[in-house]
Every structure is written in C-alpha cells, then in structure tokens.
Amino acid sequence: MEPDPDSRARTHLANERTFLAWFRTGVTLVALGLAAAALLAQSTGGDPPLDRELAAVSILIGAFLVVVGAYRYVTGRDRIEAAVFRPAGRSILAASAAILVTAVIALLFVWLLSGS
C-alpha cells in the first residue's frame, strides 16, 4: 500500500517546523550570550571575571542546539522517507541538560548584574 502523499508532506513540514524551533532557540541563546556580555561590561564599567566565560557558554549552548536540531532534522527526514519511526532519546536529554545549564548561567548573570 502506497503512503498518502498529503500525509507524507505534512510529516515533512512538521519535521521542518521542529527544526526551526531548535534553530530559534539556539539563535536566541547566542543573542542572549552576546547581549549579556555587553550589558555586564557596560553596567560594571569593566570586565567582571565571569562575564566572558558565562557569555561564551551561552553562545556555545546555542550553537550546540542548532547542531542537534539540524541532526534531528536530517535523521527525521531520512526516517520519514524510509517509513520508519523511532522516538527521540539522547538528543532530547542533551538539549534539556543544555537548557538547564543555560538557566544556571542566566541566574549567574542576574546575580552579577544585581551586584553592581
């Protein structure tokens, strides 16, 4: 039995929307890292010891999420074409851990800003 072409198209479009969500989240974290570094440098009048490091971690996590999203998109596309479904596992856990680290970094940014 031949798969429904409309269903297949919807599935591919859903895969693309999911990639775009990963992409938006990654780009947002990169922007957050850049903005926080600039804001900390301006608000403290100098270079606090951790501002560059915290910003760099946020930027790296954002880039990591874009890479994970691209990998999931490609593997999802291939699985759709092969009519094989396997739910996500490690990438979801890795992304969740990355966001948890980002939340801790955001708290550190808040503490650094409130300390000035």
N, C-alpha and C. Protein backbone atom coordinates (compact mmCIF):
# COMPACT_ATOMS: atom_id res chain seq x y z
N MET A 1 0.84 -1.19 0.00
CA MET A 1 0.00 0.00 0.00
C MET A 1 0.89 1.25 0.00
N GLU A 2 0.63 2.13 -0.90
CA GLU A 2 1.40 3.37 -1.06
C GLU A 2 0.99 4.38 0.01
N PRO A 3 1.96 5.03 0.67
CA PRO A 3 1.60 6.02 1.69
C PRO A 3 0.89 7.22 1.07
N ASP A 4 0.03 7.83 1.85
CA ASP A 4 -0.71 9.02 1.42
C ASP A 4 0.27 10.17 1.21
N PRO A 5 0.35 10.74 -0.02
CA PRO A 5 1.32 11.82 -0.27
C PRO A 5 1.06 13.06 0.58
N ASP A 6 -0.22 13.34 0.86
CA ASP A 6 -0.52 14.51 1.71
C ASP A 6 -0.02 14.30 3.13
N SER A 7 -0.19 13.10 3.64
CA SER A 7 0.28 12.78 4.98
C SER A 7 1.80 12.88 5.04
N ARG A 8 2.45 12.38 4.02
CA ARG A 8 3.91 12.44 3.97
C ARG A 8 4.39 13.90 3.93
N ALA A 9 3.71 14.72 3.15
CA ALA A 9 4.07 16.14 3.07
C ALA A 9 3.87 16.82 4.43
N ARG A 10 2.76 16.53 5.11
CA ARG A 10 2.52 17.11 6.44
C ARG A 10 3.61 16.68 7.42
N THR A 11 4.02 15.44 7.32
CA THR A 11 5.06 14.94 8.21
C THR A 11 6.39 15.65 7.95
N HIS A 12 6.72 15.85 6.69
CA HIS A 12 7.96 16.59 6.36
C HIS A 12 7.87 18.04 6.85
N LEU A 13 6.71 18.65 6.67
CA LEU A 13 6.55 20.03 7.14
C LEU A 13 6.66 20.12 8.66
N ALA A 14 6.11 19.14 9.36
CA ALA A 14 6.24 19.11 10.82
C ALA A 14 7.71 18.97 11.22
N ASN A 15 8.44 18.15 10.48
CA ASN A 15 9.87 17.98 10.75
C ASN A 15 10.61 19.31 10.56
N GLU A 16 10.25 20.04 9.52
CA GLU A 16 10.88 21.34 9.28
C GLU A 16 10.53 22.35 10.38
N ARG A 17 9.26 22.35 10.81
CA ARG A 17 8.87 23.26 11.90
C ARG A 17 9.63 22.93 13.19
N THR A 18 9.82 21.65 13.43
CA THR A 18 10.57 21.25 14.62
C THR A 18 12.02 21.74 14.53
N PHE A 19 12.63 21.60 13.36
CA PHE A 19 13.99 22.12 13.18
C PHE A 19 14.03 23.62 13.44
N LEU A 20 13.04 24.34 12.90
CA LEU A 20 13.02 25.79 13.10
C LEU A 20 12.90 26.16 14.57
N ALA A 21 12.19 25.37 15.36
CA ALA A 21 12.11 25.62 16.80
C ALA A 21 13.47 25.44 17.46
N TRP A 22 14.19 24.38 17.10
CA TRP A 22 15.55 24.17 17.61
C TRP A 22 16.43 25.36 17.20
N PHE A 23 16.30 25.77 15.94
CA PHE A 23 17.11 26.86 15.40
C PHE A 23 16.85 28.17 16.14
N ARG A 24 15.56 28.49 16.32
CA ARG A 24 15.21 29.73 17.04
C ARG A 24 15.75 29.73 18.46
N THR A 25 15.64 28.60 19.13
CA THR A 25 16.14 28.50 20.49
C THR A 25 17.65 28.70 20.53
N GLY A 26 18.36 28.08 19.60
CA GLY A 26 19.81 28.23 19.54
C GLY A 26 20.23 29.66 19.26
N VAL A 27 19.58 30.29 18.30
CA VAL A 27 19.91 31.67 17.95
C VAL A 27 19.59 32.60 19.12
N THR A 28 18.51 32.33 19.83
CA THR A 28 18.16 33.15 20.99
C THR A 28 19.23 33.05 22.07
N LEU A 29 19.76 31.85 22.29
CA LEU A 29 20.81 31.70 23.30
C LEU A 29 22.10 32.39 22.87
N VAL A 30 22.41 32.36 21.59
CA VAL A 30 23.58 33.08 21.10
C VAL A 30 23.38 34.58 21.34
N ALA A 31 22.20 35.10 21.00
CA ALA A 31 21.91 36.52 21.21
C ALA A 31 21.94 36.87 22.70
N LEU A 32 21.41 35.98 23.53
CA LEU A 32 21.43 36.20 24.97
C LEU A 32 22.86 36.31 25.49
N GLY A 33 23.72 35.44 25.02
CA GLY A 33 25.12 35.49 25.45
C GLY A 33 25.80 36.79 25.03
N LEU A 34 25.55 37.22 23.80
CA LEU A 34 26.14 38.47 23.33
C LEU A 34 25.59 39.67 24.09
N ALA A 35 24.28 39.70 24.27
CA ALA A 35 23.66 40.83 24.97
C ALA A 35 24.09 40.87 26.44
N ALA A 36 24.13 39.73 27.07
CA ALA A 36 24.52 39.70 28.48
C ALA A 36 25.97 40.16 28.66
N ALA A 37 26.84 39.74 27.77
CA ALA A 37 28.24 40.17 27.86
C ALA A 37 28.35 41.69 27.71
N ALA A 38 27.62 42.23 26.76
CA ALA A 38 27.67 43.68 26.54
C ALA A 38 27.05 44.42 27.73
N LEU A 39 25.93 43.91 28.23
CA LEU A 39 25.26 44.56 29.35
C LEU A 39 26.10 44.51 30.61
N LEU A 40 26.72 43.38 30.87
CA LEU A 40 27.57 43.27 32.06
C LEU A 40 28.77 44.20 31.95
N ALA A 41 29.38 44.27 30.78
CA ALA A 41 30.55 45.13 30.60
C ALA A 41 30.16 46.59 30.82
N GLN A 42 28.97 47.00 30.33
CA GLN A 42 28.52 48.38 30.50
C GLN A 42 28.13 48.67 31.94
N SER A 43 27.42 47.74 32.58
CA SER A 43 26.90 48.02 33.91
C SER A 43 27.98 47.99 34.98
N THR A 44 29.04 47.25 34.76
CA THR A 44 30.09 47.17 35.77
C THR A 44 31.26 48.08 35.45
N GLY A 45 31.26 48.65 34.25
CA GLY A 45 32.33 49.55 33.86
C GLY A 45 33.64 48.84 33.60
N GLY A 46 33.60 47.59 33.47
CA GLY A 46 34.82 46.84 33.22
C GLY A 46 34.51 45.43 32.77
N ASP A 47 35.34 44.55 33.20
CA ASP A 47 35.22 43.17 32.75
C ASP A 47 35.17 42.25 33.97
N PRO A 48 33.95 41.96 34.50
CA PRO A 48 33.90 41.04 35.63
C PRO A 48 34.54 39.71 35.26
N PRO A 49 35.07 39.00 36.24
CA PRO A 49 35.81 37.77 35.93
C PRO A 49 35.03 36.74 35.13
N LEU A 50 33.73 36.66 35.34
CA LEU A 50 32.98 35.58 34.71
C LEU A 50 32.16 36.01 33.50
N ASP A 51 32.07 37.30 33.20
CA ASP A 51 31.13 37.70 32.16
C ASP A 51 31.44 37.09 30.80
N ARG A 52 32.71 37.08 30.42
CA ARG A 52 33.07 36.49 29.12
C ARG A 52 32.83 34.98 29.11
N GLU A 53 33.18 34.34 30.20
CA GLU A 53 33.01 32.89 30.27
C GLU A 53 31.53 32.49 30.24
N LEU A 54 30.71 33.20 31.00
CA LEU A 54 29.27 32.90 31.01
C LEU A 54 28.65 33.17 29.64
N ALA A 55 29.03 34.27 29.03
CA ALA A 55 28.51 34.58 27.70
C ALA A 55 28.95 33.52 26.69
N ALA A 56 30.19 33.10 26.78
CA ALA A 56 30.70 32.08 25.86
C ALA A 56 29.95 30.77 26.02
N VAL A 57 29.66 30.38 27.25
CA VAL A 57 28.92 29.13 27.47
C VAL A 57 27.52 29.24 26.88
N SER A 58 26.86 30.37 27.07
CA SER A 58 25.53 30.56 26.49
C SER A 58 25.58 30.48 24.96
N ILE A 59 26.57 31.11 24.37
CA ILE A 59 26.72 31.08 22.92
C ILE A 59 27.01 29.66 22.43
N LEU A 60 27.88 28.95 23.14
CA LEU A 60 28.19 27.57 22.74
C LEU A 60 26.98 26.64 22.88
N ILE A 61 26.19 26.83 23.92
CA ILE A 61 24.98 26.02 24.08
C ILE A 61 24.01 26.33 22.95
N GLY A 62 23.88 27.59 22.57
CA GLY A 62 23.02 27.95 21.45
C GLY A 62 23.47 27.28 20.16
N ALA A 63 24.77 27.30 19.92
CA ALA A 63 25.30 26.65 18.72
C ALA A 63 25.07 25.14 18.79
N PHE A 64 25.25 24.56 19.97
CA PHE A 64 25.01 23.12 20.16
C PHE A 64 23.56 22.77 19.81
N LEU A 65 22.61 23.59 20.26
CA LEU A 65 21.20 23.30 19.98
C LEU A 65 20.90 23.38 18.49
N VAL A 66 21.53 24.30 17.78
CA VAL A 66 21.33 24.38 16.33
C VAL A 66 21.86 23.11 15.66
N VAL A 67 23.02 22.63 16.11
CA VAL A 67 23.60 21.40 15.54
C VAL A 67 22.71 20.20 15.84
N VAL A 68 22.22 20.10 17.09
CA VAL A 68 21.32 18.99 17.44
C VAL A 68 20.05 19.05 16.59
N GLY A 69 19.50 20.24 16.43
CA GLY A 69 18.29 20.39 15.61
C GLY A 69 18.53 19.98 14.17
N ALA A 70 19.67 20.37 13.62
CA ALA A 70 19.98 20.00 12.23
C ALA A 70 20.14 18.49 12.10
N TYR A 71 20.81 17.87 13.08
CA TYR A 71 20.98 16.42 13.05
C TYR A 71 19.62 15.72 13.13
N ARG A 72 18.78 16.18 14.04
CA ARG A 72 17.44 15.57 14.17
C ARG A 72 16.62 15.78 12.90
N TYR A 73 16.77 16.94 12.26
CA TYR A 73 16.03 17.18 11.02
C TYR A 73 16.44 16.17 9.94
N VAL A 74 17.74 16.02 9.76
CA VAL A 74 18.25 15.12 8.71
C VAL A 74 17.84 13.68 9.00
N THR A 75 18.03 13.24 10.24
CA THR A 75 17.65 11.86 10.56
C THR A 75 16.14 11.68 10.48
N GLY A 76 15.38 12.69 10.88
CA GLY A 76 13.93 12.61 10.76
C GLY A 76 13.48 12.53 9.32
N ARG A 77 14.11 13.34 8.47
CA ARG A 77 13.78 13.31 7.04
C ARG A 77 14.04 11.92 6.46
N ASP A 78 15.18 11.34 6.81
CA ASP A 78 15.51 10.01 6.30
C ASP A 78 14.54 8.95 6.82
N ARG A 79 14.13 9.07 8.09
CA ARG A 79 13.18 8.11 8.65
C ARG A 79 11.80 8.26 8.04
N ILE A 80 11.41 9.48 7.73
CA ILE A 80 10.12 9.70 7.07
C ILE A 80 10.13 9.02 5.71
N GLU A 81 11.20 9.22 4.97
CA GLU A 81 11.31 8.61 3.64
C GLU A 81 11.34 7.09 3.71
N ALA A 82 11.94 6.54 4.76
CA ALA A 82 12.03 5.08 4.91
C ALA A 82 10.80 4.50 5.60
N ALA A 83 9.87 5.36 6.01
CA ALA A 83 8.65 4.95 6.72
C ALA A 83 9.00 4.19 8.01
N VAL A 84 10.01 4.69 8.71
CA VAL A 84 10.45 4.10 9.98
C VAL A 84 10.37 5.19 11.05
N PHE A 85 9.75 4.89 12.16
CA PHE A 85 9.67 5.88 13.24
C PHE A 85 10.40 5.37 14.47
N ARG A 86 11.27 6.21 14.98
CA ARG A 86 11.91 5.94 16.27
C ARG A 86 11.88 7.25 17.05
N PRO A 87 11.31 7.22 18.24
CA PRO A 87 11.24 8.47 19.01
C PRO A 87 12.63 8.95 19.44
N ALA A 88 12.71 10.23 19.66
CA ALA A 88 13.97 10.84 20.08
C ALA A 88 14.35 10.34 21.47
N GLY A 89 15.61 10.31 21.72
CA GLY A 89 16.10 9.87 23.03
C GLY A 89 17.19 10.77 23.55
N ARG A 90 18.39 10.47 23.14
CA ARG A 90 19.56 11.19 23.67
C ARG A 90 19.54 12.68 23.34
N SER A 91 19.11 13.04 22.15
CA SER A 91 19.14 14.46 21.78
C SER A 91 18.21 15.28 22.67
N ILE A 92 17.08 14.70 23.06
CA ILE A 92 16.16 15.41 23.95
C ILE A 92 16.80 15.60 25.34
N LEU A 93 17.43 14.55 25.83
CA LEU A 93 18.10 14.65 27.13
C LEU A 93 19.27 15.63 27.08
N ALA A 94 20.03 15.60 25.99
CA ALA A 94 21.17 16.52 25.86
C ALA A 94 20.69 17.97 25.77
N ALA A 95 19.63 18.20 25.02
CA ALA A 95 19.10 19.56 24.89
C ALA A 95 18.54 20.04 26.23
N SER A 96 17.87 19.15 26.95
CA SER A 96 17.33 19.52 28.26
C SER A 96 18.46 19.89 29.22
N ALA A 97 19.54 19.13 29.20
CA ALA A 97 20.69 19.43 30.04
C ALA A 97 21.31 20.78 29.64
N ALA A 98 21.38 21.03 28.34
CA ALA A 98 21.94 22.30 27.86
C ALA A 98 21.09 23.48 28.33
N ILE A 99 19.78 23.33 28.28
CA ILE A 99 18.90 24.42 28.73
C ILE A 99 19.01 24.60 30.25
N LEU A 100 19.17 23.51 30.98
CA LEU A 100 19.36 23.62 32.42
C LEU A 100 20.64 24.39 32.74
N VAL A 101 21.71 24.09 32.02
CA VAL A 101 22.96 24.83 32.20
C VAL A 101 22.76 26.30 31.85
N THR A 102 22.01 26.57 30.80
CA THR A 102 21.74 27.95 30.40
C THR A 102 20.94 28.68 31.47
N ALA A 103 20.00 27.99 32.11
CA ALA A 103 19.24 28.61 33.19
C ALA A 103 20.14 28.99 34.35
N VAL A 104 21.08 28.12 34.68
CA VAL A 104 22.04 28.43 35.74
C VAL A 104 22.89 29.63 35.34
N ILE A 105 23.31 29.68 34.09
CA ILE A 105 24.09 30.82 33.60
C ILE A 105 23.27 32.10 33.68
N ALA A 106 22.00 32.02 33.32
CA ALA A 106 21.15 33.21 33.40
C ALA A 106 21.04 33.70 34.84
N LEU A 107 20.94 32.78 35.78
CA LEU A 107 20.92 33.18 37.18
C LEU A 107 22.23 33.86 37.59
N LEU A 108 23.34 33.34 37.10
CA LEU A 108 24.63 33.97 37.41
C LEU A 108 24.70 35.37 36.82
N PHE A 109 24.17 35.55 35.60
CA PHE A 109 24.13 36.89 35.00
C PHE A 109 23.31 37.83 35.89
N VAL A 110 22.16 37.35 36.36
CA VAL A 110 21.31 38.18 37.22
C VAL A 110 22.05 38.56 38.49
N TRP A 111 22.74 37.61 39.11
CA TRP A 111 23.49 37.91 40.32
C TRP A 111 24.62 38.89 40.05
N LEU A 112 25.30 38.75 38.93
CA LEU A 112 26.37 39.69 38.59
C LEU A 112 25.82 41.10 38.36
N LEU A 113 24.67 41.18 37.68
CA LEU A 113 24.08 42.49 37.42
C LEU A 113 23.57 43.14 38.70
N SER A 114 22.98 42.34 39.59
CA SER A 114 22.45 42.91 40.82
C SER A 114 23.55 43.29 41.79
N GLY A 115 24.74 42.71 41.61
CA GLY A 115 25.86 43.01 42.49
C GLY A 115 26.56 44.31 42.15
N SER A 116 26.24 44.89 40.98
CA SER A 116 26.94 46.12 40.58
C SER A 116 26.24 47.36 41.02
